[in-house]
Amino acid sequence: MGYLAGAEPSQPVLVAEIGGQNSIPKKVLDTILGELKNAGLLHSKKGKDGGYNLGLSTS
């Protein structure tokens, strides 16, 4: 979440980028990100321009 907090809010971050910058295996990271998404803390977008970003609203 700290890595995503430092990312551009409008640009989803790829799992490979998060894992590579933090030395976290993809399988472990997929589990963590899935749980954070289910808790409403992250949003995900599939496809070419997909990835994860923080899910907390600023309103």
PDB file of N, CA and C in Angstrom:
ATOM      1  N   MET A   1       0.837  -1.182   0.000  1.00  0.00           N
ATOM      2  CA  MET A   1       0.000   0.000   0.000  1.00  0.00           C
ATOM      3  C   MET A   1       0.880   1.242   0.000  1.00  0.00           C
ATOM      4  N   GLY A   2       2.018   1.170   0.656  1.00  0.00           N
ATOM      5  CA  GLY A   2       2.924   2.312   0.659  1.00  0.00           C
ATOM      6  C   GLY A   2       3.424   2.629  -0.734  1.00  0.00           C
ATOM      7  N   TYR A   3       3.727   1.601  -1.511  1.00  0.00           N
ATOM      8  CA  TYR A   3       4.188   1.812  -2.881  1.00  0.00           C
ATOM      9  C   TYR A   3       3.088   2.459  -3.711  1.00  0.00           C
ATOM     10  N   LEU A   4       1.862   1.993  -3.556  1.00  0.00           N
ATOM     11  CA  LEU A   4       0.738   2.553  -4.304  1.00  0.00           C
ATOM     12  C   LEU A   4       0.429   3.983  -3.873  1.00  0.00           C
ATOM     13  N   ALA A   5       0.665   4.295  -2.613  1.00  0.00           N
ATOM     14  CA  ALA A   5       0.418   5.659  -2.129  1.00  0.00           C
ATOM     15  C   ALA A   5       1.353   6.654  -2.803  1.00  0.00           C
ATOM     16  N   GLY A   6       2.536   6.205  -3.202  1.00  0.00           N
ATOM     17  CA  GLY A   6       3.485   7.080  -3.862  1.00  0.00           C
ATOM     18  C   GLY A   6       3.310   7.142  -5.372  1.00  0.00           C
ATOM     19  N   ALA A   7       2.395   6.344  -5.904  1.00  0.00           N
ATOM     20  CA  ALA A   7       2.171   6.299  -7.351  1.00  0.00           C
ATOM     21  C   ALA A   7       1.148   7.356  -7.767  1.00  0.00           C
ATOM     22  N   GLU A   8       1.154   7.654  -9.047  1.00  0.00           N
ATOM     23  CA  GLU A   8       0.175   8.591  -9.613  1.00  0.00           C
ATOM     24  C   GLU A   8      -1.226   8.009  -9.420  1.00  0.00           C
ATOM     25  N   PRO A   9      -2.144   8.724  -8.764  1.00  0.00           N
ATOM     26  CA  PRO A   9      -3.476   8.172  -8.457  1.00  0.00           C
ATOM     27  C   PRO A   9      -4.275   7.728  -9.678  1.00  0.00           C
ATOM     28  N   SER A  10      -4.095   8.389 -10.806  1.00  0.00           N
ATOM     29  CA  SER A  10      -4.893   8.054 -11.987  1.00  0.00           C
ATOM     30  C   SER A  10      -4.294   6.922 -12.816  1.00  0.00           C
ATOM     31  N   GLN A  11      -3.097   6.450 -12.455  1.00  0.00           N
ATOM     32  CA  GLN A  11      -2.425   5.402 -13.220  1.00  0.00           C
ATOM     33  C   GLN A  11      -2.326   4.112 -12.413  1.00  0.00           C
ATOM     34  N   PRO A  12      -3.061   3.074 -12.813  1.00  0.00           N
ATOM     35  CA  PRO A  12      -2.927   1.789 -12.117  1.00  0.00           C
ATOM     36  C   PRO A  12      -1.498   1.250 -12.219  1.00  0.00           C
ATOM     37  N   VAL A  13      -1.051   0.579 -11.170  1.00  0.00           N
ATOM     38  CA  VAL A  13       0.303   0.034 -11.104  1.00  0.00           C
ATOM     39  C   VAL A  13       0.234  -1.479 -11.310  1.00  0.00           C
ATOM     40  N   LEU A  14       1.108  -1.989 -12.166  1.00  0.00           N
ATOM     41  CA  LEU A  14       1.142  -3.417 -12.461  1.00  0.00           C
ATOM     42  C   LEU A  14       1.658  -4.219 -11.260  1.00  0.00           C
ATOM     43  N   VAL A  15       1.152  -5.435 -11.121  1.00  0.00           N
ATOM     44  CA  VAL A  15       1.604  -6.329 -10.063  1.00  0.00           C
ATOM     45  C   VAL A  15       3.108  -6.574 -10.194  1.00  0.00           C
ATOM     46  N   ALA A  16       3.587  -6.737 -11.424  1.00  0.00           N
ATOM     47  CA  ALA A  16       5.015  -6.988 -11.649  1.00  0.00           C
ATOM     48  C   ALA A  16       5.874  -5.822 -11.157  1.00  0.00           C
ATOM     49  N   GLU A  17       5.377  -4.609 -11.324  1.00  0.00           N
ATOM     50  CA  GLU A  17       6.120  -3.434 -10.855  1.00  0.00           C
ATOM     51  C   GLU A  17       6.169  -3.394  -9.327  1.00  0.00           C
ATOM     52  N   ILE A  18       5.033  -3.635  -8.693  1.00  0.00           N
ATOM     53  CA  ILE A  18       4.980  -3.631  -7.226  1.00  0.00           C
ATOM     54  C   ILE A  18       5.901  -4.711  -6.670  1.00  0.00           C
ATOM     55  N   GLY A  19       5.787  -5.918  -7.211  1.00  0.00           N
ATOM     56  CA  GLY A  19       6.610  -7.033  -6.750  1.00  0.00           C
ATOM     57  C   GLY A  19       8.086  -6.816  -6.987  1.00  0.00           C
ATOM     58  N   GLY A  20       8.422  -6.286  -8.151  1.00  0.00           N
ATOM     59  CA  GLY A  20       9.822  -6.052  -8.477  1.00  0.00           C
ATOM     60  C   GLY A  20      10.460  -4.993  -7.591  1.00  0.00           C
ATOM     61  N   GLN A  21       9.739  -3.944  -7.294  1.00  0.00           N
ATOM     62  CA  GLN A  21      10.269  -2.859  -6.472  1.00  0.00           C
ATOM     63  C   GLN A  21      10.352  -3.234  -4.997  1.00  0.00           C
ATOM     64  N   ASN A  22       9.581  -4.239  -4.597  1.00  0.00           N
ATOM     65  CA  ASN A  22       9.527  -4.616  -3.185  1.00  0.00           C
ATOM     66  C   ASN A  22       9.988  -6.039  -2.906  1.00  0.00           C
ATOM     67  N   SER A  23      10.527  -6.714  -3.916  1.00  0.00           N
ATOM     68  CA  SER A  23      11.027  -8.089  -3.792  1.00  0.00           C
ATOM     69  C   SER A  23       9.989  -9.037  -3.179  1.00  0.00           C
ATOM     70  N   ILE A  24       8.776  -8.973  -3.715  1.00  0.00           N
ATOM     71  CA  ILE A  24       7.688  -9.837  -3.255  1.00  0.00           C
ATOM     72  C   ILE A  24       7.320 -10.773  -4.399  1.00  0.00           C
ATOM     73  N   PRO A  25       7.315 -12.094  -4.167  1.00  0.00           N
ATOM     74  CA  PRO A  25       6.924 -13.034  -5.225  1.00  0.00           C
ATOM     75  C   PRO A  25       5.495 -12.774  -5.700  1.00  0.00           C
ATOM     76  N   LYS A  26       5.261 -12.942  -7.010  1.00  0.00           N
ATOM     77  CA  LYS A  26       3.958 -12.644  -7.605  1.00  0.00           C
ATOM     78  C   LYS A  26       2.820 -13.413  -6.933  1.00  0.00           C
ATOM     79  N   LYS A  27       3.039 -14.685  -6.640  1.00  0.00           N
ATOM     80  CA  LYS A  27       1.976 -15.497  -6.037  1.00  0.00           C
ATOM     81  C   LYS A  27       1.555 -14.924  -4.676  1.00  0.00           C
ATOM     82  N   VAL A  28       2.518 -14.519  -3.878  1.00  0.00           N
ATOM     83  CA  VAL A  28       2.234 -13.935  -2.562  1.00  0.00           C
ATOM     84  C   VAL A  28       1.539 -12.588  -2.744  1.00  0.00           C
ATOM     85  N   LEU A  29       2.050 -11.780  -3.669  1.00  0.00           N
ATOM     86  CA  LEU A  29       1.498 -10.459  -3.901  1.00  0.00           C
ATOM     87  C   LEU A  29       0.069 -10.535  -4.429  1.00  0.00           C
ATOM     88  N   ASP A  30      -0.208 -11.490  -5.310  1.00  0.00           N
ATOM     89  CA  ASP A  30      -1.578 -11.670  -5.808  1.00  0.00           C
ATOM     90  C   ASP A  30      -2.547 -11.929  -4.660  1.00  0.00           C
ATOM     91  N   THR A  31      -2.140 -12.731  -3.693  1.00  0.00           N
ATOM     92  CA  THR A  31      -2.986 -13.030  -2.535  1.00  0.00           C
ATOM     93  C   THR A  31      -3.217 -11.782  -1.689  1.00  0.00           C
ATOM     94  N   ILE A  32      -2.146 -11.062  -1.415  1.00  0.00           N
ATOM     95  CA  ILE A  32      -2.249  -9.844  -0.597  1.00  0.00           C
ATOM     96  C   ILE A  32      -3.126  -8.802  -1.283  1.00  0.00           C
ATOM     97  N   LEU A  33      -2.874  -8.558  -2.563  1.00  0.00           N
ATOM     98  CA  LEU A  33      -3.648  -7.551  -3.290  1.00  0.00           C
ATOM     99  C   LEU A  33      -5.121  -7.946  -3.393  1.00  0.00           C
ATOM    100  N   GLY A  34      -5.383  -9.229  -3.572  1.00  0.00           N
ATOM    101  CA  GLY A  34      -6.771  -9.701  -3.616  1.00  0.00           C
ATOM    102  C   GLY A  34      -7.510  -9.441  -2.314  1.00  0.00           C
ATOM    103  N   GLU A  35      -6.846  -9.694  -1.204  1.00  0.00           N
ATOM    104  CA  GLU A  35      -7.476  -9.449   0.093  1.00  0.00           C
ATOM    105  C   GLU A  35      -7.710  -7.954   0.329  1.00  0.00           C
ATOM    106  N   LEU A  36      -6.744  -7.131  -0.062  1.00  0.00           N
ATOM    107  CA  LEU A  36      -6.907  -5.682   0.091  1.00  0.00           C
ATOM    108  C   LEU A  36      -8.017  -5.150  -0.813  1.00  0.00           C
ATOM    109  N   LYS A  37      -8.140  -5.731  -1.999  1.00  0.00           N
ATOM    110  CA  LYS A  37      -9.217  -5.339  -2.910  1.00  0.00           C
ATOM    111  C   LYS A  37     -10.575  -5.724  -2.322  1.00  0.00           C
ATOM    112  N   ASN A  38     -10.678  -6.929  -1.796  1.00  0.00           N
ATOM    113  CA  ASN A  38     -11.941  -7.387  -1.201  1.00  0.00           C
ATOM    114  C   ASN A  38     -12.340  -6.539   0.005  1.00  0.00           C
ATOM    115  N   ALA A  39     -11.356  -5.979   0.688  1.00  0.00           N
ATOM    116  CA  ALA A  39     -11.625  -5.113   1.839  1.00  0.00           C
ATOM    117  C   ALA A  39     -11.963  -3.693   1.412  1.00  0.00           C
ATOM    118  N   GLY A  40     -11.887  -3.401   0.118  1.00  0.00           N
ATOM    119  CA  GLY A  40     -12.222  -2.076  -0.385  1.00  0.00           C
ATOM    120  C   GLY A  40     -11.089  -1.068  -0.308  1.00  0.00           C
ATOM    121  N   LEU A  41      -9.883  -1.539  -0.002  1.00  0.00           N
ATOM    122  CA  LEU A  41      -8.751  -0.632   0.121  1.00  0.00           C
ATOM    123  C   LEU A  41      -8.051  -0.376  -1.212  1.00  0.00           C
ATOM    124  N   LEU A  42      -8.267  -1.272  -2.180  1.00  0.00           N
ATOM    125  CA  LEU A  42      -7.667  -1.126  -3.499  1.00  0.00           C
ATOM    126  C   LEU A  42      -8.734  -1.285  -4.566  1.00  0.00           C
ATOM    127  N   HIS A  43      -8.461  -0.688  -5.721  1.00  0.00           N
ATOM    128  CA  HIS A  43      -9.263  -0.910  -6.924  1.00  0.00           C
ATOM    129  C   HIS A  43      -8.349  -1.586  -7.927  1.00  0.00           C
ATOM    130  N   SER A  44      -8.926  -2.395  -8.788  1.00  0.00           N
ATOM    131  CA  SER A  44      -8.133  -3.012  -9.842  1.00  0.00           C
ATOM    132  C   SER A  44      -8.810  -2.781 -11.174  1.00  0.00           C
ATOM    133  N   LYS A  45      -7.997  -2.779 -12.209  1.00  0.00           N
ATOM    134  CA  LYS A  45      -8.492  -2.626 -13.563  1.00  0.00           C
ATOM    135  C   LYS A  45      -7.795  -3.676 -14.407  1.00  0.00           C
ATOM    136  N   LYS A  46      -8.572  -4.432 -15.168  1.00  0.00           N
ATOM    137  CA  LYS A  46      -8.010  -5.471 -16.025  1.00  0.00           C
ATOM    138  C   LYS A  46      -7.725  -4.897 -17.400  1.00  0.00           C
ATOM    139  N   GLY A  47      -6.868  -5.576 -18.113  1.00  0.00           N
ATOM    140  CA  GLY A  47      -6.600  -5.205 -19.491  1.00  0.00           C
ATOM    141  C   GLY A  47      -5.279  -4.512 -19.697  1.00  0.00           C
ATOM    142  N   LYS A  48      -5.122  -3.965 -20.897  1.00  0.00           N
ATOM    143  CA  LYS A  48      -3.867  -3.361 -21.326  1.00  0.00           C
ATOM    144  C   LYS A  48      -3.383  -2.265 -20.383  1.00  0.00           C
ATOM    145  N   ASP A  49      -4.258  -1.403 -19.960  1.00  0.00           N
ATOM    146  CA  ASP A  49      -3.900  -0.296 -19.063  1.00  0.00           C
ATOM    147  C   ASP A  49      -4.289  -0.591 -17.624  1.00  0.00           C
ATOM    148  N   GLY A  50      -4.309  -1.860 -17.259  1.00  0.00           N
ATOM    149  CA  GLY A  50      -4.773  -2.281 -15.952  1.00  0.00           C
ATOM    150  C   GLY A  50      -3.699  -2.257 -14.879  1.00  0.00           C
ATOM    151  N   GLY A  51      -4.140  -2.591 -13.681  1.00  0.00           N
ATOM    152  CA  GLY A  51      -3.261  -2.645 -12.529  1.00  0.00           C
ATOM    153  C   GLY A  51      -4.060  -2.333 -11.269  1.00  0.00           C
ATOM    154  N   TYR A  52      -3.349  -1.925 -10.241  1.00  0.00           N
ATOM    155  CA  TYR A  52      -3.974  -1.613  -8.954  1.00  0.00           C
ATOM    156  C   TYR A  52      -3.699  -0.171  -8.575  1.00  0.00           C
ATOM    157  N   ASN A  53      -4.666   0.437  -7.882  1.00  0.00           N
ATOM    158  CA  ASN A  53      -4.436   1.731  -7.247  1.00  0.00           C
ATOM    159  C   ASN A  53      -5.264   1.773  -5.956  1.00  0.00           C
ATOM    160  N   LEU A  54      -4.978   2.771  -5.141  1.00  0.00           N
ATOM    161  CA  LEU A  54      -5.666   2.868  -3.861  1.00  0.00           C
ATOM    162  C   LEU A  54      -7.149   3.051  -4.068  1.00  0.00           C
ATOM    163  N   GLY A  55      -7.933   2.427  -3.193  1.00  0.00           N
ATOM    164  CA  GLY A  55      -9.380   2.452  -3.342  1.00  0.00           C
ATOM    165  C   GLY A  55     -10.073   3.414  -2.410  1.00  0.00           C
ATOM    166  N   LEU A  56      -9.337   4.104  -1.589  1.00  0.00           N
ATOM    167  CA  LEU A  56      -9.959   5.027  -0.661  1.00  0.00           C
ATOM    168  C   LEU A  56     -10.352   6.295  -1.386  1.00  0.00           C
ATOM    169  N   SER A  57     -11.569   6.740  -1.144  1.00  0.00           N
ATOM    170  CA  SER A  57     -12.004   7.976  -1.811  1.00  0.00           C
ATOM    171  C   SER A  57     -11.527   9.182  -1.016  1.00  0.00           C
ATOM    172  N   THR A  58     -11.433  10.305  -1.700  1.00  0.00           N
ATOM    173  CA  THR A  58     -10.980  11.533  -1.045  1.00  0.00           C
ATOM    174  C   THR A  58     -12.146  12.426  -0.667  1.00  0.00           C
ATOM    175  N   SER A  59     -13.367  11.970  -0.856  1.00  0.00           N
ATOM    176  CA  SER A  59     -14.526  12.797  -0.525  1.00  0.00           C
ATOM    177  C   SER A  59     -14.973  12.613   0.903  1.00  0.00           C
TER     178      SER A  59
END
